[in-house]
Protein backbone atom coordinates (compact mmCIF):
# COMPACT_ATOMS: atom_id res chain seq x y z
CA MET A 1 -20.43 0.42 -25.33
CA GLN A 2 -22.59 0.46 -22.18
CA ARG A 3 -21.99 3.10 -19.52
CA LYS A 4 -20.99 0.53 -16.90
CA TRP A 5 -18.01 -0.56 -19.00
CA TRP A 6 -16.88 3.05 -19.45
CA THR A 7 -17.12 3.42 -15.67
CA LEU A 8 -14.97 0.33 -15.21
CA ILE A 9 -12.43 1.72 -17.70
CA ALA A 10 -12.24 5.09 -15.93
CA VAL A 11 -11.80 3.47 -12.52
CA SER A 12 -9.25 1.01 -13.87
CA VAL A 13 -7.20 3.73 -15.58
CA ALA A 14 -7.13 5.77 -12.37
CA THR A 15 -6.24 2.72 -10.30
CA PHE A 16 -3.55 1.84 -12.80
CA MET A 17 -2.07 5.31 -12.35
CA LEU A 18 -2.15 5.11 -8.56
CA LEU A 19 -0.55 1.68 -8.36
CA LEU A 20 1.89 2.39 -11.17
CA ASP A 21 3.09 5.36 -9.16
CA ILE A 22 3.74 3.19 -6.11
CA THR A 23 5.55 0.40 -7.94
CA VAL A 24 7.48 2.83 -10.13
CA VAL A 25 8.71 4.76 -7.09
CA ASN A 26 10.01 1.52 -5.58
CA VAL A 27 12.75 1.01 -8.16
CA ALA A 28 13.53 4.74 -8.40
CA LEU A 29 14.31 5.21 -4.70
CA PRO A 30 18.09 4.71 -4.95
CA SER A 31 18.26 7.28 -7.76
CA ILE A 32 16.12 9.70 -5.73
CA ARG A 33 18.46 9.22 -2.77
CA LYS A 34 21.50 9.99 -4.89
CA ASP A 35 20.12 13.07 -6.67
CA LEU A 36 18.38 14.64 -3.67
CA HIS A 37 20.96 13.50 -1.07
CA ALA A 38 18.28 11.68 0.92
CA ASP A 39 18.93 9.42 3.89
CA PHE A 40 17.21 6.20 5.03
CA THR A 41 14.46 8.09 6.88
CA ASP A 42 13.78 10.30 3.84
CA LEU A 43 13.27 7.18 1.73
CA GLN A 44 10.74 5.84 4.22
CA TRP A 45 8.84 9.13 4.09
CA VAL A 46 8.64 9.02 0.29
CA PHE A 47 6.10 6.24 0.90
CA ASP A 48 4.72 7.18 4.29
CA ALA A 49 3.99 10.83 3.40
CA TYR A 50 1.71 9.49 0.66
CA THR A 51 0.10 6.66 2.60
CA LEU A 52 -0.47 8.71 5.75
CA THR A 53 -2.51 11.41 4.02
CA LEU A 54 -4.33 8.80 1.98
CA ALA A 55 -5.21 6.74 5.06
CA ALA A 56 -6.22 9.80 7.07
CA LEU A 57 -8.49 11.30 4.41
CA VAL A 58 -9.96 8.38 2.49
CA LEU A 59 -12.95 8.02 4.84
CA THR A 60 -13.71 11.72 4.64
CA ALA A 61 -13.35 11.56 0.87
CA GLY A 62 -15.88 8.73 0.74
CA SER A 63 -18.35 10.71 2.84
CA LEU A 64 -17.90 13.83 0.71
CA ALA A 65 -18.37 11.79 -2.45
CA ASP A 66 -21.61 10.29 -1.14
CA ARG A 67 -22.89 13.83 -0.43
CA LEU A 68 -21.47 15.94 -3.27
CA GLY A 69 -21.40 13.36 -6.05
CA ARG A 70 -19.09 10.46 -6.69
CA ARG A 71 -18.21 11.40 -10.25
CA LYS A 72 -17.44 14.99 -9.25
CA MET A 73 -15.16 13.96 -6.37
CA PHE A 74 -13.46 11.33 -8.52
CA ALA A 75 -12.59 14.03 -11.05
CA VAL A 76 -11.29 16.32 -8.28
CA GLY A 77 -9.07 13.50 -7.06
CA LEU A 78 -7.66 12.97 -10.55
CA VAL A 79 -6.77 16.66 -10.86
CA ILE A 80 -5.09 16.85 -7.43
CA PHE A 81 -3.11 13.67 -8.03
CA SER A 82 -1.91 14.77 -11.46
CA VAL A 83 -0.84 18.23 -10.28
CA ALA A 84 0.94 16.76 -7.27
CA SER A 85 2.74 14.33 -9.56
CA PHE A 86 4.11 17.26 -11.52
CA LEU A 87 5.31 18.87 -8.27
CA CYS A 88 7.05 15.61 -7.31
CA ALA A 89 8.89 15.66 -10.62
CA VAL A 90 10.29 19.16 -10.06
CA SER A 91 11.25 18.58 -6.38
CA PRO A 92 14.61 20.20 -5.49
CA ASN A 93 15.07 18.36 -2.17
CA PRO A 94 13.62 15.47 -0.09
CA THR A 95 11.38 17.74 2.00
CA PHE A 96 9.68 19.25 -1.08
CA LEU A 97 9.27 15.77 -2.57
CA ASN A 98 7.66 14.37 0.55
CA ILE A 99 5.28 17.33 0.85
CA ALA A 100 4.27 16.80 -2.78
CA ARG A 101 3.81 13.11 -2.04
CA ALA A 102 1.49 14.07 0.82
CA VAL A 103 -0.58 16.14 -1.62
CA GLN A 104 -0.63 13.12 -3.94
CA GLY A 105 -2.12 11.22 -1.04
CA VAL A 106 -5.02 13.68 -0.91
CA GLY A 107 -5.86 12.99 -4.55
CA GLY A 108 -5.27 9.28 -4.06
CA ALA A 109 -7.61 9.24 -1.06
CA ILE A 110 -10.45 10.64 -3.15
CA MET A 111 -9.93 8.21 -6.01
CA PHE A 112 -9.48 5.19 -3.77
CA ALA A 113 -12.60 6.05 -1.79
CA VAL A 114 -14.79 6.41 -4.88
CA SER A 115 -13.39 3.71 -7.19
CA LEU A 116 -15.11 0.65 -5.76
CA ALA A 117 -18.32 2.59 -5.12
CA LEU A 118 -18.49 3.58 -8.80
CA ILE A 119 -18.12 -0.08 -9.80
CA ALA A 120 -20.68 -1.24 -7.22
CA GLN A 121 -23.31 1.25 -8.45
CA GLU A 122 -23.09 -0.03 -12.04
CA PHE A 123 -22.67 -3.79 -11.64
CA THR A 124 -25.21 -6.14 -10.05
CA ALA A 125 -23.99 -8.13 -7.02
CA GLY A 126 -22.96 -11.66 -7.91
CA ARG A 127 -21.43 -12.93 -11.16
CA GLU A 128 -21.58 -9.58 -12.95
CA ARG A 129 -19.86 -7.69 -10.14
CA GLY A 130 -17.45 -10.59 -9.72
CA ALA A 131 -16.42 -10.26 -13.37
CA ALA A 132 -15.95 -6.51 -12.93
CA MET A 133 -13.88 -7.05 -9.80
CA GLY A 134 -11.84 -9.61 -11.71
CA ALA A 135 -11.07 -6.99 -14.36
CA TYR A 136 -10.29 -4.50 -11.60
CA GLY A 137 -7.96 -7.03 -10.00
CA ALA A 138 -6.31 -7.68 -13.36
CA THR A 139 -5.67 -3.95 -13.66
CA ILE A 140 -3.93 -4.08 -10.31
CA GLY A 141 -1.88 -7.00 -11.61
CA VAL A 142 -0.90 -5.17 -14.80
CA ALA A 143 0.10 -2.03 -12.88
CA VAL A 144 2.20 -4.05 -10.49
CA ALA A 145 3.66 -6.09 -13.35
CA VAL A 146 4.72 -3.25 -15.62
CA GLY A 147 5.41 -0.68 -12.89
CA PRO A 148 8.92 -1.85 -11.98
CA LEU A 149 9.82 -2.26 -15.67
CA ILE A 150 8.49 1.15 -16.67
CA GLY A 151 10.02 2.73 -13.60
CA GLY A 152 13.36 1.09 -14.20
CA ALA A 153 13.44 1.99 -17.89
CA LEU A 154 12.42 5.61 -17.28
CA THR A 155 14.82 6.05 -14.39
CA ASP A 156 17.73 4.58 -16.35
CA THR A 157 17.05 6.63 -19.49
CA LEU A 158 15.22 9.85 -18.54
CA GLY A 159 15.78 10.10 -14.80
CA TRP A 160 13.51 9.46 -11.82
CA GLU A 161 11.57 12.68 -12.47
CA SER A 162 9.95 11.08 -15.52
CA ILE A 163 8.10 8.53 -13.38
CA PHE A 164 6.02 11.36 -11.96
CA TYR A 165 5.59 13.19 -15.26
CA LEU A 166 4.02 9.96 -16.57
CA ASN A 167 0.99 10.45 -14.34
CA VAL A 168 -0.01 13.73 -16.01
CA PRO A 169 -1.19 12.33 -19.40
CA ILE A 170 -2.69 9.23 -17.75
CA GLY A 171 -4.64 11.44 -15.36
CA ALA A 172 -5.84 13.65 -18.22
CA ALA A 173 -7.14 10.63 -20.15
CA ALA A 174 -9.01 9.31 -17.11
CA LEU A 175 -10.48 12.77 -16.51
CA VAL A 176 -11.91 12.96 -20.04
CA ILE A 177 -13.54 9.53 -19.72
CA THR A 178 -14.97 10.48 -16.32
CA PHE A 179 -16.67 13.65 -17.55
CA LEU A 180 -17.98 12.12 -20.77
CA LYS A 181 -19.04 8.63 -19.75
CA VAL A 182 -19.41 8.17 -15.98
CA ARG A 183 -22.84 8.61 -14.33
CA GLU A 184 -23.16 10.91 -11.33
CA SER A 185 -24.55 9.36 -8.16
CA ARG A 186 -25.06 10.30 -4.52
CA ASP A 187 -26.23 8.71 -1.31
CA PRO A 188 -29.62 10.29 -0.48
CA ASN A 189 -28.95 9.53 3.18
CA ALA A 190 -25.37 10.82 3.19
CA THR A 191 -23.99 11.96 6.51
CA ARG A 192 -22.13 15.07 7.57
CA VAL A 193 -18.35 15.10 7.47
CA ASP A 194 -16.90 14.17 10.84
CA TRP A 195 -14.12 16.78 10.92
CA ALA A 196 -13.27 16.14 14.57
CA GLY A 197 -12.75 12.48 13.82
CA VAL A 198 -10.58 13.31 10.81
CA ALA A 199 -8.34 15.66 12.80
CA VAL A 200 -7.85 13.30 15.75
CA PHE A 201 -7.31 10.20 13.59
CA SER A 202 -4.82 12.00 11.34
CA GLY A 203 -2.85 13.26 14.32
CA ALA A 204 -2.76 9.85 16.01
CA LEU A 205 -1.56 8.09 12.87
CA PHE A 206 1.09 10.70 12.07
CA LEU A 207 2.56 10.64 15.59
CA LEU A 208 2.59 6.83 15.66
CA VAL A 209 4.52 6.56 12.39
CA LEU A 210 6.85 9.40 13.40
CA ALA A 211 7.70 7.57 16.64
CA LEU A 212 8.37 4.33 14.76
CA VAL A 213 10.55 6.04 12.16
CA ARG A 214 12.58 8.03 14.72
CA GLY A 215 12.78 5.36 17.43
CA ASN A 216 16.18 3.94 16.47
CA ALA A 217 17.80 7.35 16.07
CA ASP A 218 16.41 8.99 19.21
CA GLY A 219 16.22 5.91 21.44
CA TRP A 220 13.08 3.89 22.12
CA THR A 221 13.01 4.93 25.78
CA SER A 222 13.84 8.58 25.15
CA PRO A 223 11.34 11.17 26.42
CA LYS A 224 10.60 12.31 22.86
CA ILE A 225 9.68 8.85 21.54
CA LEU A 226 7.73 7.87 24.64
CA ALA A 227 5.80 11.13 24.41
CA LEU A 228 4.96 10.51 20.76
CA PHE A 229 3.63 7.03 21.54
CA CYS A 230 1.63 8.29 24.53
CA VAL A 231 0.04 11.19 22.68
CA SER A 232 -0.76 8.89 19.73
CA ALA A 233 -2.47 6.43 22.09
CA VAL A 234 -4.46 9.23 23.75
CA LEU A 235 -5.58 10.54 20.37
CA LEU A 236 -6.64 7.05 19.25
CA ALA A 237 -8.68 6.67 22.43
CA ALA A 238 -10.20 10.10 21.81
CA PHE A 239 -11.02 9.05 18.24
CA VAL A 240 -12.93 6.00 19.48
CA ALA A 241 -14.81 8.18 21.99
CA ILE A 242 -15.70 10.71 19.28
CA GLU A 243 -16.92 8.01 16.90
CA LEU A 244 -19.11 6.49 19.61
CA ARG A 245 -20.73 9.81 20.49
CA VAL A 246 -21.16 11.80 17.28
CA ALA A 247 -24.40 11.33 15.40
CA GLU A 248 -22.68 10.79 12.03
CA PRO A 249 -19.19 9.29 12.55
CA MET A 250 -16.59 8.95 9.80
CA LEU A 251 -15.98 5.37 11.00
CA PRO A 252 -19.22 3.79 12.28
CA LEU A 253 -17.84 1.36 14.83
CA GLY A 254 -21.11 -0.56 14.78
CA LEU A 255 -20.12 -1.97 11.37
CA PHE A 256 -17.42 -4.01 13.08
CA ARG A 257 -20.08 -6.05 14.86
CA ARG A 258 -20.50 -7.79 11.50
CA ALA A 259 -17.75 -10.40 11.51
CA ALA A 260 -17.31 -10.46 7.72
CA PHE A 261 -16.78 -6.70 7.66
CA THR A 262 -14.08 -6.93 10.34
CA GLY A 263 -12.48 -9.92 8.65
CA VAL A 264 -12.04 -8.27 5.27
CA GLN A 265 -10.48 -5.16 6.88
CA LEU A 266 -7.98 -7.32 8.76
CA ALA A 267 -7.19 -9.22 5.56
CA ALA A 268 -6.49 -5.94 3.75
CA PHE A 269 -4.30 -4.76 6.64
CA ALA A 270 -2.40 -8.06 6.69
CA VAL A 271 -1.41 -8.10 3.02
CA SER A 272 -0.55 -4.39 3.00
CA SER A 273 1.53 -4.42 6.18
CA SER A 274 3.40 -7.57 5.13
CA LEU A 275 4.20 -7.97 1.44
CA PHE A 276 3.39 -4.49 0.14
CA ALA A 277 5.28 -2.72 2.93
CA LEU A 278 8.27 -5.05 2.48
CA PHE A 279 8.61 -4.21 -1.23
CA LEU A 280 10.56 -1.10 -0.18
CA TYR A 281 13.21 -3.15 1.62
CA LEU A 282 13.34 -5.83 -1.07
CA THR A 283 14.04 -3.10 -3.61
CA LEU A 284 16.85 -1.71 -1.45
CA TYR A 285 18.31 -5.23 -1.33
CA LEU A 286 18.12 -5.71 -5.10
CA GLN A 287 19.68 -2.37 -5.97
CA ASN A 288 21.87 -1.36 -3.03
CA TYR A 289 23.09 -4.78 -1.95
CA LEU A 290 23.15 -6.74 -5.23
CA GLY A 291 24.00 -3.65 -7.29
CA LEU A 292 21.25 -4.04 -9.89
CA SER A 293 20.14 -1.06 -11.96
CA PRO A 294 16.53 0.19 -11.67
CA PHE A 295 15.55 -1.61 -14.88
CA GLN A 296 17.30 -4.81 -13.82
CA ALA A 297 15.48 -4.67 -10.48
CA GLY A 298 12.20 -4.18 -12.34
CA LEU A 299 12.86 -7.30 -14.39
CA ARG A 300 13.42 -9.31 -11.22
CA TYR A 301 9.94 -8.38 -10.01
CA LEU A 302 8.30 -9.89 -13.10
CA PRO A 303 7.65 -13.35 -11.56
CA ILE A 304 5.63 -11.96 -8.65
CA THR A 305 3.75 -9.47 -10.79
CA VAL A 306 2.97 -11.76 -13.73
CA LEU A 307 1.53 -14.40 -11.39
CA SER A 308 -0.61 -11.74 -9.73
CA PHE A 309 -1.87 -10.61 -13.14
CA LEU A 310 -2.71 -14.12 -14.31
CA VAL A 311 -4.46 -15.27 -11.13
CA ALA A 312 -6.59 -12.14 -10.56
CA PRO A 313 -9.18 -12.75 -13.34
CA VAL A 314 -9.46 -16.40 -12.29
CA ALA A 315 -10.22 -15.20 -8.77
CA GLY A 316 -12.93 -12.93 -10.17
CA VAL A 317 -14.63 -15.91 -11.80
CA LEU A 318 -14.35 -17.96 -8.60
CA LEU A 319 -15.99 -15.24 -6.48
CA SER A 320 -19.50 -16.53 -7.13
CA ARG A 321 -18.50 -20.20 -6.72
CA VAL A 322 -16.02 -20.42 -3.84
CA GLN A 323 -16.49 -19.06 -0.33
CA ALA A 324 -14.72 -15.74 0.13
CA ARG A 325 -13.14 -16.80 3.42
CA LEU A 326 -11.47 -19.78 1.75
CA MET A 327 -10.02 -17.62 -1.01
CA LEU A 328 -8.77 -15.06 1.52
CA GLY A 329 -7.30 -17.77 3.74
CA VAL A 330 -5.52 -19.55 0.89
CA GLY A 331 -4.26 -16.28 -0.63
CA LEU A 332 -2.86 -14.89 2.61
CA THR A 333 -1.29 -18.25 3.44
CA ALA A 334 0.41 -18.23 0.04
CA ILE A 335 1.73 -14.71 0.69
CA GLY A 336 3.04 -15.80 4.09
CA ALA A 337 4.69 -18.85 2.56
CA GLY A 338 6.20 -16.68 -0.18
CA LEU A 339 7.74 -14.27 2.34
CA TRP A 340 9.11 -17.21 4.34
CA LEU A 341 10.70 -18.62 1.16
CA MET A 342 12.30 -15.23 0.44
CA GLY A 343 13.98 -15.20 3.85
CA ASP A 344 17.29 -16.65 5.02
CA ILE A 345 19.22 -14.65 2.41
CA GLN A 346 22.96 -15.33 2.52
CA ALA A 347 25.79 -12.96 1.62
CA ASP A 348 26.67 -14.80 -1.60
CA ASP A 349 23.07 -15.34 -2.80
CA THR A 350 21.82 -13.90 -6.08
CA TRP A 351 18.33 -12.61 -6.80
CA THR A 352 17.22 -16.14 -7.77
CA GLY A 353 17.07 -16.93 -4.07
CA LEU A 354 13.90 -14.81 -4.03
CA LEU A 355 12.34 -16.49 -7.08
CA ALA A 356 10.31 -19.24 -5.38
CA GLY A 357 8.93 -16.77 -2.84
CA PHE A 358 8.05 -14.27 -5.57
CA LEU A 359 6.06 -16.90 -7.47
CA VAL A 360 4.10 -18.14 -4.45
CA ALA A 361 3.40 -14.65 -3.07
CA GLY A 362 2.40 -13.38 -6.52
CA ALA A 363 -0.24 -16.10 -6.84
CA GLY A 364 -1.53 -15.20 -3.37
CA VAL A 365 -1.83 -11.50 -4.21
CA GLY A 366 -3.70 -12.25 -7.42
CA LEU A 367 -6.11 -14.47 -5.52
CA ILE A 368 -7.05 -12.07 -2.72
CA ASN A 369 -7.12 -8.66 -4.42
CA PRO A 370 -10.45 -9.18 -6.24
CA VAL A 371 -11.93 -10.90 -3.16
CA ILE A 372 -11.06 -8.03 -0.83
CA ALA A 373 -12.39 -5.51 -3.35
CA ASP A 374 -15.67 -7.39 -3.76
CA VAL A 375 -16.34 -8.28 -0.12
CA ALA A 376 -15.45 -4.77 1.07
CA VAL A 377 -18.48 -3.29 -0.70
CA SER A 378 -20.73 -6.37 -0.51
CA VAL A 379 -21.04 -6.62 3.28
CA VAL A 380 -22.86 -3.28 3.62
CA PRO A 381 -25.98 -1.82 1.96
CA LYS A 382 -25.29 -0.52 -1.55
CA GLU A 383 -25.91 3.12 -0.58
CA ARG A 384 -23.04 2.91 1.93
CA SER A 385 -20.58 1.49 -0.60
CA GLY A 386 -18.57 4.73 -0.68
CA MET A 387 -17.98 4.59 3.06
CA ALA A 388 -17.23 0.86 2.93
CA ALA A 389 -14.65 1.34 0.17
CA GLY A 390 -13.10 4.17 2.14
CA ILE A 391 -12.80 2.07 5.30
CA ASN A 392 -11.17 -0.74 3.36
CA ASP A 393 -8.68 1.58 1.71
CA THR A 394 -7.93 3.12 5.11
CA PHE A 395 -6.95 -0.29 6.44
CA ARG A 396 -4.82 -0.90 3.34
CA GLN A 397 -2.96 2.39 3.61
CA VAL A 398 -2.57 2.26 7.38
CA GLY A 399 -1.11 -1.21 6.86
CA ILE A 400 1.47 0.08 4.38
CA ALA A 401 2.37 3.18 6.41
CA VAL A 402 2.70 1.37 9.72
CA GLY A 403 4.33 -1.64 8.05
CA ILE A 404 7.06 0.44 6.42
CA ALA A 405 7.76 2.22 9.70
CA VAL A 406 7.76 -0.95 11.82
CA TRP A 407 9.86 -3.03 9.41
CA GLY A 408 12.32 -0.19 8.97
CA ALA A 409 12.70 0.13 12.74
CA VAL A 410 13.14 -3.64 13.19
CA LEU A 411 15.55 -3.93 10.25
CA ILE A 412 17.85 -1.20 11.56
CA ALA A 413 17.66 -2.38 15.18
CA ARG A 414 18.38 -6.01 14.26
CA GLY A 415 21.09 -4.96 11.82
CA THR A 416 22.76 -2.76 14.42
CA ASP A 417 22.81 -5.62 16.93
CA GLN A 418 24.34 -7.97 14.35
CA PHE A 419 26.92 -5.32 13.44
CA GLY A 420 27.92 -5.13 17.12
CA VAL A 421 28.51 -8.89 17.23
CA LEU A 422 30.84 -8.67 14.23
CA THR A 423 32.62 -5.39 15.00
CA ALA A 424 32.93 -4.26 18.61
CA ASN A 425 35.16 -1.17 18.18
CA THR A 426 32.33 1.19 17.26
CA THR A 427 29.63 3.05 19.14
CA HIS A 428 25.97 2.08 18.88
CA SER A 429 25.25 5.30 16.98
CA GLN A 430 28.03 4.61 14.46
CA ARG A 431 26.79 1.06 13.91
CA ARG A 432 23.23 2.24 13.35
CA GLN A 433 24.34 4.94 10.89
CA LEU A 434 26.42 2.46 8.89
CA VAL A 435 23.56 -0.07 8.70
CA GLU A 436 21.22 2.73 7.55
CA ALA A 437 23.83 3.72 4.95
CA ALA A 438 24.06 0.11 3.74
CA SER A 439 20.27 0.02 3.47
CA SER A 440 19.90 3.29 1.58
CA GLY A 441 22.90 2.83 -0.73
CA SER A 442 25.16 5.51 0.74
CA LEU A 443 27.65 3.21 2.47
CA PRO A 444 30.72 4.35 0.45
CA GLN A 445 30.08 7.96 1.44
CA ALA A 446 29.49 7.00 5.08
CA LEU A 447 32.82 5.14 5.21
CA GLU A 448 34.89 8.06 3.94
CA ALA A 449 35.48 9.31 7.50
CA ALA A 450 36.73 5.91 8.71
CA PRO A 451 40.43 4.96 8.70
CA PRO A 452 41.30 3.22 5.39
CA GLY A 453 42.55 0.12 7.16
CA ILE A 454 39.17 -0.78 8.66
CA ARG A 455 36.81 0.40 5.93
CA GLN A 456 36.40 -3.05 4.39
CA ALA A 457 35.66 -4.64 7.76
CA LEU A 458 33.10 -1.95 8.55
CA SER A 459 31.55 -2.34 5.10
CA ASP A 460 31.26 -6.14 5.48
CA SER A 461 29.74 -5.76 8.95
CA ALA A 462 27.23 -3.14 7.79
CA ARG A 463 26.14 -5.25 4.82
CA ALA A 464 25.84 -8.33 7.05
CA GLY A 465 23.75 -6.28 9.47
CA PHE A 466 21.43 -5.21 6.66
CA LEU A 467 20.93 -8.83 5.57
CA SER A 468 20.24 -9.92 9.14
CA GLY A 469 17.63 -7.20 9.51
CA LEU A 470 16.05 -8.01 6.15
CA ASN A 471 15.75 -11.71 6.98
CA THR A 472 14.13 -10.82 10.29
CA VAL A 473 11.46 -8.57 8.78
CA LEU A 474 10.71 -11.11 6.02
CA PHE A 475 10.02 -13.73 8.69
CA LEU A 476 7.87 -11.35 10.72
CA GLY A 477 6.00 -10.27 7.59
CA ALA A 478 5.24 -13.92 6.84
CA LEU A 479 3.88 -14.31 10.38
CA VAL A 480 1.60 -11.27 9.97
CA SER A 481 0.20 -12.68 6.72
CA LEU A 482 -0.48 -16.09 8.27
CA ILE A 483 -2.25 -14.48 11.24
CA GLY A 484 -4.35 -12.53 8.71
CA ALA A 485 -5.24 -15.82 6.97
CA ALA A 486 -6.43 -17.35 10.23
CA LEU A 487 -8.52 -14.30 11.10
CA ALA A 488 -10.13 -14.21 7.64
CA LEU A 489 -11.08 -17.88 7.85
CA TRP A 490 -12.59 -17.31 11.28
CA LEU A 491 -14.43 -14.04 10.72
CA VAL A 492 -15.63 -13.84 7.10
CA ARG A 493 -19.08 -15.43 6.90
CA GLU A 494 -20.68 -16.12 3.53
CA ASN A 495 -24.21 -15.37 4.80
CA GLN A 496 -23.14 -11.78 5.59
CA ILE A 497 -22.06 -11.05 2.00
CA GLU A 498 -24.57 -9.69 -0.50
CA ARG A 499 -24.98 -12.19 -3.32
CA GLU A 500 -26.96 -12.17 -6.55
CA ASP A 501 -30.62 -13.15 -6.31
CA LEU A 502 -31.02 -16.11 -8.67
CA THR A 503 -34.51 -15.04 -9.67
CA GLU A 504 -33.19 -11.61 -10.63
CA ALA A 505 -30.20 -13.16 -12.40
CA ALA A 506 -32.61 -14.99 -14.70
CA ASP A 507 -34.24 -11.71 -15.73
CA PRO A 508 -32.08 -9.81 -18.25
CA ALA A 509 -33.85 -6.57 -17.35
CA VAL A 510 -32.03 -6.31 -14.06
CA HIS A 511 -28.71 -6.12 -15.88
CA GLU A 512 -29.55 -3.22 -18.11
CA ALA A 513 -27.26 -0.21 -17.65
């Protein structure tokens, strides 16, 4: 088998592991909460600790890979991710788990940054790369499809720890393939690592998410929250100033003058901050509100994941025949429509109320994943593919991290307001705590201190508040996706995307590995 196919296998196995970990964690969250005595904020950090470090370091990882060797850095990422997965499995408390998840993000940043670059270096732009991206997209679909099922089955039978142990043998297999079959490559014009940019960007992103996560508890106008927002804004402004002045920036702002480059980043941010970020809260609804087990919740995700799996390879074939902006626009519109169909959940609804939305959104995800992956590395020169992949993954992970924080803040705020309409004899703090408890699955424990005569009324109000908040964030997520569709249609220009030269395509020699 040719080297390029081994490279695609190694990248796909690693990507499968990364995405499996995310989707598996989704259905295990209620069990993690119960065993580690975690609260609503802890559950948010299980995701955000991972995505924050990944988003903050993926650009640096891409630059290091271009300088030190992409295969070498890819292998380092596999080792870090696998070791951190083991630490997650043995976590004794939420803080340890979230620190281990942050370390996972370091390994994930390296693998994400290098994955698309490794594919781009082996496959010629055009039909061949489109086919590879289709296979890559199908891998994403499989991981998303089987993740909830595997996670649910493992959590129900062996405990949530097993979902992290699973990464160790998968990582080992990918590591062997990488060392034996993947070609080393570097960028001869690689730049220095912009450590100042990394530090300032990381700090700004962390403080922003921290403010969003703590806003409801501490008060949005409290000195602490206002200070966090202000310092985050100052650091972001400093980051822009640094990137404009340093000779070799981690994020060359000049790239954003190319409309197609900006458009694909916004498309990645839109899908990540809408559907992918909302998976956390949909899972809490399925398990904590409807009372489904982890495996049962995983089964309910099959419609959205199977559609994504089936559509992704078709999208890969269409890449060389249909304009990228049309595929992005249609895909993001489908995701927005799917989220809108999921909304308006009523107290007596079953999971089938989500079914139509799952199907439509799943088709949209399958359509845009290969397009984003292909365009992200095809709008820049091939030697800068590592940086381009890193920038795209940064927008993806920032979208998830900020999305989870924003939707969590909106859900609790909206739910608390709805609780107040239904039950007036409680303080704002009590209402917020009960809505958080209904969201995280700890409502029975939270109600133990209440007088027995009003527990049922408080429980009904808290659950109604959770539904009101969930419906609100589903609607807002749909709006974000539709805005992303409009921006992609406007900005992504076909003449700015590297396409296969037909004269070269006719010559078999150019396709030799």
